[in-house]
């Protein structure tokens, strides 16, 4: 499974840490993904969703 939100498609990005001497170290910033159970068409599936989509009520959890 990839590190991608199933709702909005958020992916890891590349960012640079810049030191005092302006030496750049490139690293990855991963989105905050949570595995939640979702009811889709009567079946319960586990998908990875970012926390911003959970807070915006773009996805509803299965009971």
PDB file of N, CA and C in Angstrom:
ATOM      1  N   UNK A   1       0.828  -1.178   0.000  1.00  0.00           N
ATOM      2  CA  UNK A   1       0.000   0.000   0.000  1.00  0.00           C
ATOM      3  C   UNK A   1       0.875   1.245   0.000  1.00  0.00           C
ATOM      4  N   UNK A   2       0.519   2.187  -0.824  1.00  0.00           N
ATOM      5  CA  UNK A   2       1.325   3.394  -0.908  1.00  0.00           C
ATOM      6  C   UNK A   2       0.909   4.394   0.166  1.00  0.00           C
ATOM      7  N   UNK A   3       1.770   5.375   0.401  1.00  0.00           N
ATOM      8  CA  UNK A   3       1.459   6.426   1.370  1.00  0.00           C
ATOM      9  C   UNK A   3       0.703   7.530   0.664  1.00  0.00           C
ATOM     10  N   UNK A   4      -0.571   7.280   0.407  1.00  0.00           N
ATOM     11  CA  UNK A   4      -1.403   8.244  -0.299  1.00  0.00           C
ATOM     12  C   UNK A   4      -2.797   8.208   0.300  1.00  0.00           C
ATOM     13  N   UNK A   5      -3.392   9.376   0.458  1.00  0.00           N
ATOM     14  CA  UNK A   5      -4.751   9.473   0.980  1.00  0.00           C
ATOM     15  C   UNK A   5      -5.725   8.980  -0.092  1.00  0.00           C
ATOM     16  N   UNK A   6      -6.684   8.138   0.317  1.00  0.00           N
ATOM     17  CA  UNK A   6      -7.650   7.582  -0.626  1.00  0.00           C
ATOM     18  C   UNK A   6      -8.701   8.612  -1.032  1.00  0.00           C
ATOM     19  N   UNK A   7      -8.869   9.686  -0.265  1.00  0.00           N
ATOM     20  CA  UNK A   7      -9.902  10.681  -0.554  1.00  0.00           C
ATOM     21  C   UNK A   7      -9.340  11.838  -1.375  1.00  0.00           C
ATOM     22  N   UNK A   8      -8.321  12.512  -0.854  1.00  0.00           N
ATOM     23  CA  UNK A   8      -7.824  13.721  -1.524  1.00  0.00           C
ATOM     24  C   UNK A   8      -6.561  13.481  -2.345  1.00  0.00           C
ATOM     25  N   UNK A   9      -5.909  12.331  -2.203  1.00  0.00           N
ATOM     26  CA  UNK A   9      -4.730  12.029  -2.987  1.00  0.00           C
ATOM     27  C   UNK A   9      -3.454  12.676  -2.493  1.00  0.00           C
ATOM     28  N   UNK A  10      -3.404  13.034  -1.215  1.00  0.00           N
ATOM     29  CA  UNK A  10      -2.213  13.648  -0.639  1.00  0.00           C
ATOM     30  C   UNK A  10      -1.069  12.638  -0.612  1.00  0.00           C
ATOM     31  N   UNK A  11       0.137  13.060  -1.043  1.00  0.00           N
ATOM     32  CA  UNK A  11       1.301  12.186  -1.139  1.00  0.00           C
ATOM     33  C   UNK A  11       2.478  12.798  -0.387  1.00  0.00           C
ATOM     34  N   UNK A  12       3.546  12.021  -0.183  1.00  0.00           N
ATOM     35  CA  UNK A  12       4.752  12.604   0.410  1.00  0.00           C
ATOM     36  C   UNK A  12       5.364  13.655  -0.517  1.00  0.00           C
ATOM     37  N   UNK A  13       5.966  14.680   0.090  1.00  0.00           N
ATOM     38  CA  UNK A  13       6.637  15.717  -0.694  1.00  0.00           C
ATOM     39  C   UNK A  13       8.104  15.757  -0.289  1.00  0.00           C
ATOM     40  N   UNK A  14       8.927  16.316  -1.162  1.00  0.00           N
ATOM     41  CA  UNK A  14      10.334  16.499  -0.846  1.00  0.00           C
ATOM     42  C   UNK A  14      10.533  17.895  -0.293  1.00  0.00           C
ATOM     43  N   UNK A  15      11.296  17.972   0.780  1.00  0.00           N
ATOM     44  CA  UNK A  15      11.587  19.261   1.402  1.00  0.00           C
ATOM     45  C   UNK A  15      13.066  19.301   1.747  1.00  0.00           C
ATOM     46  N   UNK A  16      13.586  20.485   1.939  1.00  0.00           N
ATOM     47  CA  UNK A  16      15.002  20.659   2.236  1.00  0.00           C
ATOM     48  C   UNK A  16      15.178  21.226   3.630  1.00  0.00           C
ATOM     49  N   UNK A  17      16.006  20.542   4.419  1.00  0.00           N
ATOM     50  CA  UNK A  17      16.447  21.107   5.685  1.00  0.00           C
ATOM     51  C   UNK A  17      17.642  21.990   5.373  1.00  0.00           C
ATOM     52  N   UNK A  18      17.599  23.235   5.793  1.00  0.00           N
ATOM     53  CA  UNK A  18      18.686  24.166   5.501  1.00  0.00           C
ATOM     54  C   UNK A  18      19.403  24.488   6.801  1.00  0.00           C
ATOM     55  N   UNK A  19      20.691  24.198   6.843  1.00  0.00           N
ATOM     56  CA  UNK A  19      21.476  24.449   8.041  1.00  0.00           C
ATOM     57  C   UNK A  19      21.919  25.911   8.082  1.00  0.00           C
ATOM     58  N   UNK A  20      22.683  26.244   9.119  1.00  0.00           N
ATOM     59  CA  UNK A  20      23.162  27.620   9.268  1.00  0.00           C
ATOM     60  C   UNK A  20      24.107  27.999   8.137  1.00  0.00           C
ATOM     61  N   UNK A  21      24.843  27.020   7.625  1.00  0.00           N
ATOM     62  CA  UNK A  21      25.763  27.282   6.517  1.00  0.00           C
ATOM     63  C   UNK A  21      25.076  27.117   5.155  1.00  0.00           C
ATOM     64  N   UNK A  22      23.775  26.980   5.147  1.00  0.00           N
ATOM     65  CA  UNK A  22      22.938  26.821   3.952  1.00  0.00           C
ATOM     66  C   UNK A  22      23.235  25.548   3.173  1.00  0.00           C
ATOM     67  N   UNK A  23      23.683  24.525   3.867  1.00  0.00           N
ATOM     68  CA  UNK A  23      23.811  23.205   3.266  1.00  0.00           C
ATOM     69  C   UNK A  23      22.430  22.559   3.293  1.00  0.00           C
ATOM     70  N   UNK A  24      21.974  22.031   2.158  1.00  0.00           N
ATOM     71  CA  UNK A  24      20.618  21.482   2.074  1.00  0.00           C
ATOM     72  C   UNK A  24      20.653  19.962   2.178  1.00  0.00           C
ATOM     73  N   UNK A  25      19.809  19.429   3.026  1.00  0.00           N
ATOM     74  CA  UNK A  25      19.596  17.999   3.150  1.00  0.00           C
ATOM     75  C   UNK A  25      18.156  17.722   2.742  1.00  0.00           C
ATOM     76  N   UNK A  26      17.955  17.002   1.645  1.00  0.00           N
ATOM     77  CA  UNK A  26      16.609  16.722   1.144  1.00  0.00           C
ATOM     78  C   UNK A  26      16.051  15.520   1.891  1.00  0.00           C
ATOM     79  N   UNK A  27      14.814  15.659   2.373  1.00  0.00           N
ATOM     80  CA  UNK A  27      14.129  14.572   3.069  1.00  0.00           C
ATOM     81  C   UNK A  27      12.662  14.554   2.658  1.00  0.00           C
ATOM     82  N   UNK A  28      11.955  13.504   3.054  1.00  0.00           N
ATOM     83  CA  UNK A  28      10.539  13.367   2.706  1.00  0.00           C
ATOM     84  C   UNK A  28       9.670  13.795   3.872  1.00  0.00           C
ATOM     85  N   UNK A  29       8.575  14.490   3.559  1.00  0.00           N
ATOM     86  CA  UNK A  29       7.558  14.820   4.552  1.00  0.00           C
ATOM     87  C   UNK A  29       6.316  14.020   4.202  1.00  0.00           C
ATOM     88  N   UNK A  30       5.986  13.030   5.056  1.00  0.00           N
ATOM     89  CA  UNK A  30       4.849  12.158   4.811  1.00  0.00           C
ATOM     90  C   UNK A  30       3.575  12.770   5.369  1.00  0.00           C
ATOM     91  N   UNK A  31       2.429  12.558   4.709  1.00  0.00           N
ATOM     92  CA  UNK A  31       1.166  13.028   5.269  1.00  0.00           C
ATOM     93  C   UNK A  31       0.772  12.186   6.475  1.00  0.00           C
ATOM     94  N   UNK A  32      -0.047  12.752   7.333  1.00  0.00           N
ATOM     95  CA  UNK A  32      -0.512  12.052   8.531  1.00  0.00           C
ATOM     96  C   UNK A  32      -1.686  11.163   8.138  1.00  0.00           C
ATOM     97  N   UNK A  33      -1.400   9.905   7.826  1.00  0.00           N
ATOM     98  CA  UNK A  33      -2.424   8.968   7.375  1.00  0.00           C
ATOM     99  C   UNK A  33      -2.850   8.052   8.508  1.00  0.00           C
ATOM    100  N   UNK A  34      -4.146   7.778   8.557  1.00  0.00           N
ATOM    101  CA  UNK A  34      -4.722   6.871   9.537  1.00  0.00           C
ATOM    102  C   UNK A  34      -5.519   5.811   8.797  1.00  0.00           C
ATOM    103  N   UNK A  35      -5.451   4.571   9.257  1.00  0.00           N
ATOM    104  CA  UNK A  35      -6.243   3.491   8.678  1.00  0.00           C
ATOM    105  C   UNK A  35      -7.586   3.454   9.385  1.00  0.00           C
ATOM    106  N   UNK A  36      -8.662   3.652   8.634  1.00  0.00           N
ATOM    107  CA  UNK A  36      -9.999   3.626   9.210  1.00  0.00           C
ATOM    108  C   UNK A  36     -10.880   2.700   8.397  1.00  0.00           C
ATOM    109  N   UNK A  37     -11.901   2.152   9.057  1.00  0.00           N
ATOM    110  CA  UNK A  37     -12.854   1.282   8.388  1.00  0.00           C
ATOM    111  C   UNK A  37     -14.011   2.118   7.867  1.00  0.00           C
ATOM    112  N   UNK A  38     -14.351   1.906   6.588  1.00  0.00           N
ATOM    113  CA  UNK A  38     -15.366   2.691   5.911  1.00  0.00           C
ATOM    114  C   UNK A  38     -16.388   1.743   5.309  1.00  0.00           C
ATOM    115  N   UNK A  39     -17.655   2.133   5.375  1.00  0.00           N
ATOM    116  CA  UNK A  39     -18.721   1.341   4.771  1.00  0.00           C
ATOM    117  C   UNK A  39     -18.967   1.856   3.357  1.00  0.00           C
ATOM    118  N   UNK A  40     -18.578   1.045   2.352  1.00  0.00           N
ATOM    119  CA  UNK A  40     -18.778   1.407   0.954  1.00  0.00           C
ATOM    120  C   UNK A  40     -19.698   0.381   0.294  1.00  0.00           C
ATOM    121  N   UNK A  41     -20.872   0.820  -0.117  1.00  0.00           N
ATOM    122  CA  UNK A  41     -21.848  -0.021  -0.814  1.00  0.00           C
ATOM    123  C   UNK A  41     -22.171  -1.305  -0.055  1.00  0.00           C
ATOM    124  N   UNK A  42     -22.280  -1.202   1.257  1.00  0.00           N
ATOM    125  CA  UNK A  42     -22.634  -2.354   2.077  1.00  0.00           C
ATOM    126  C   UNK A  42     -21.473  -3.213   2.516  1.00  0.00           C
ATOM    127  N   UNK A  43     -20.264  -2.951   2.044  1.00  0.00           N
ATOM    128  CA  UNK A  43     -19.091  -3.706   2.467  1.00  0.00           C
ATOM    129  C   UNK A  43     -18.174  -2.801   3.278  1.00  0.00           C
ATOM    130  N   UNK A  44     -17.530  -3.392   4.272  1.00  0.00           N
ATOM    131  CA  UNK A  44     -16.633  -2.631   5.135  1.00  0.00           C
ATOM    132  C   UNK A  44     -15.213  -2.822   4.615  1.00  0.00           C
ATOM    133  N   UNK A  45     -14.541  -1.699   4.307  1.00  0.00           N
ATOM    134  CA  UNK A  45     -13.178  -1.712   3.800  1.00  0.00           C
ATOM    135  C   UNK A  45     -12.293  -0.877   4.702  1.00  0.00           C
ATOM    136  N   UNK A  46     -11.005  -1.220   4.764  1.00  0.00           N
ATOM    137  CA  UNK A  46     -10.015  -0.432   5.489  1.00  0.00           C
ATOM    138  C   UNK A  46      -9.219   0.381   4.476  1.00  0.00           C
ATOM    139  N   UNK A  47      -9.273   1.705   4.630  1.00  0.00           N
ATOM    140  CA  UNK A  47      -8.549   2.584   3.723  1.00  0.00           C
ATOM    141  C   UNK A  47      -7.690   3.538   4.541  1.00  0.00           C
ATOM    142  N   UNK A  48      -6.664   4.098   3.874  1.00  0.00           N
ATOM    143  CA  UNK A  48      -5.806   5.093   4.521  1.00  0.00           C
ATOM    144  C   UNK A  48      -6.294   6.482   4.142  1.00  0.00           C
ATOM    145  N   UNK A  49      -6.580   7.290   5.162  1.00  0.00           N
ATOM    146  CA  UNK A  49      -7.125   8.632   4.967  1.00  0.00           C
ATOM    147  C   UNK A  49      -6.311   9.598   5.803  1.00  0.00           C
ATOM    148  N   UNK A  50      -6.046  10.796   5.259  1.00  0.00           N
ATOM    149  CA  UNK A  50      -5.302  11.805   6.016  1.00  0.00           C
ATOM    150  C   UNK A  50      -6.217  12.422   7.076  1.00  0.00           C
ATOM    151  N   UNK A  51      -5.606  12.982   8.095  1.00  0.00           N
ATOM    152  CA  UNK A  51      -6.378  13.514   9.211  1.00  0.00           C
ATOM    153  C   UNK A  51      -7.167  14.763   8.833  1.00  0.00           C
ATOM    154  N   UNK A  52      -6.710  15.501   7.825  1.00  0.00           N
ATOM    155  CA  UNK A  52      -7.475  16.675   7.408  1.00  0.00           C
ATOM    156  C   UNK A  52      -8.793  16.277   6.764  1.00  0.00           C
ATOM    157  N   UNK A  53      -8.827  15.144   6.063  1.00  0.00           N
ATOM    158  CA  UNK A  53     -10.086  14.655   5.488  1.00  0.00           C
ATOM    159  C   UNK A  53     -11.013  14.118   6.580  1.00  0.00           C
ATOM    160  N   UNK A  54     -10.442  13.514   7.621  1.00  0.00           N
ATOM    161  CA  UNK A  54     -11.264  13.007   8.730  1.00  0.00           C
ATOM    162  C   UNK A  54     -11.900  14.177   9.472  1.00  0.00           C
ATOM    163  N   UNK A  55     -11.141  15.241   9.722  1.00  0.00           N
ATOM    164  CA  UNK A  55     -11.670  16.408  10.433  1.00  0.00           C
ATOM    165  C   UNK A  55     -12.694  17.162   9.614  1.00  0.00           C
ATOM    166  N   UNK A  56     -12.569  17.137   8.280  1.00  0.00           N
ATOM    167  CA  UNK A  56     -13.510  17.842   7.408  1.00  0.00           C
ATOM    168  C   UNK A  56     -14.754  17.010   7.103  1.00  0.00           C
ATOM    169  N   UNK A  57     -14.876  15.834   7.715  1.00  0.00           N
ATOM    170  CA  UNK A  57     -16.016  14.922   7.519  1.00  0.00           C
ATOM    171  C   UNK A  57     -16.200  14.540   6.059  1.00  0.00           C
ATOM    172  N   UNK A  58     -15.101  14.325   5.348  1.00  0.00           N
ATOM    173  CA  UNK A  58     -15.192  13.853   3.962  1.00  0.00           C
ATOM    174  C   UNK A  58     -15.383  12.346   3.902  1.00  0.00           C
ATOM    175  N   UNK A  59     -15.188  11.668   5.013  1.00  0.00           N
ATOM    176  CA  UNK A  59     -15.356  10.216   5.086  1.00  0.00           C
ATOM    177  C   UNK A  59     -16.080   9.885   6.383  1.00  0.00           C
ATOM    178  N   UNK A  60     -16.935   8.879   6.349  1.00  0.00           N
ATOM    179  CA  UNK A  60     -17.699   8.467   7.519  1.00  0.00           C
ATOM    180  C   UNK A  60     -17.260   7.075   7.926  1.00  0.00           C
ATOM    181  N   UNK A  61     -16.974   6.909   9.205  1.00  0.00           N
ATOM    182  CA  UNK A  61     -16.495   5.618   9.718  1.00  0.00           C
ATOM    183  C   UNK A  61     -17.633   4.608   9.791  1.00  0.00           C
ATOM    184  N   UNK A  62     -17.261   3.345   9.655  1.00  0.00           N
ATOM    185  CA  UNK A  62     -18.226   2.249   9.801  1.00  0.00           C
ATOM    186  C   UNK A  62     -18.441   1.989  11.284  1.00  0.00           C
ATOM    187  N   UNK A  63     -19.650   1.644  11.630  1.00  0.00           N
ATOM    188  CA  UNK A  63     -19.985   1.388  13.036  1.00  0.00           C
ATOM    189  C   UNK A  63     -19.754  -0.062  13.371  1.00  0.00           C
TER     190      UNK A  63
END
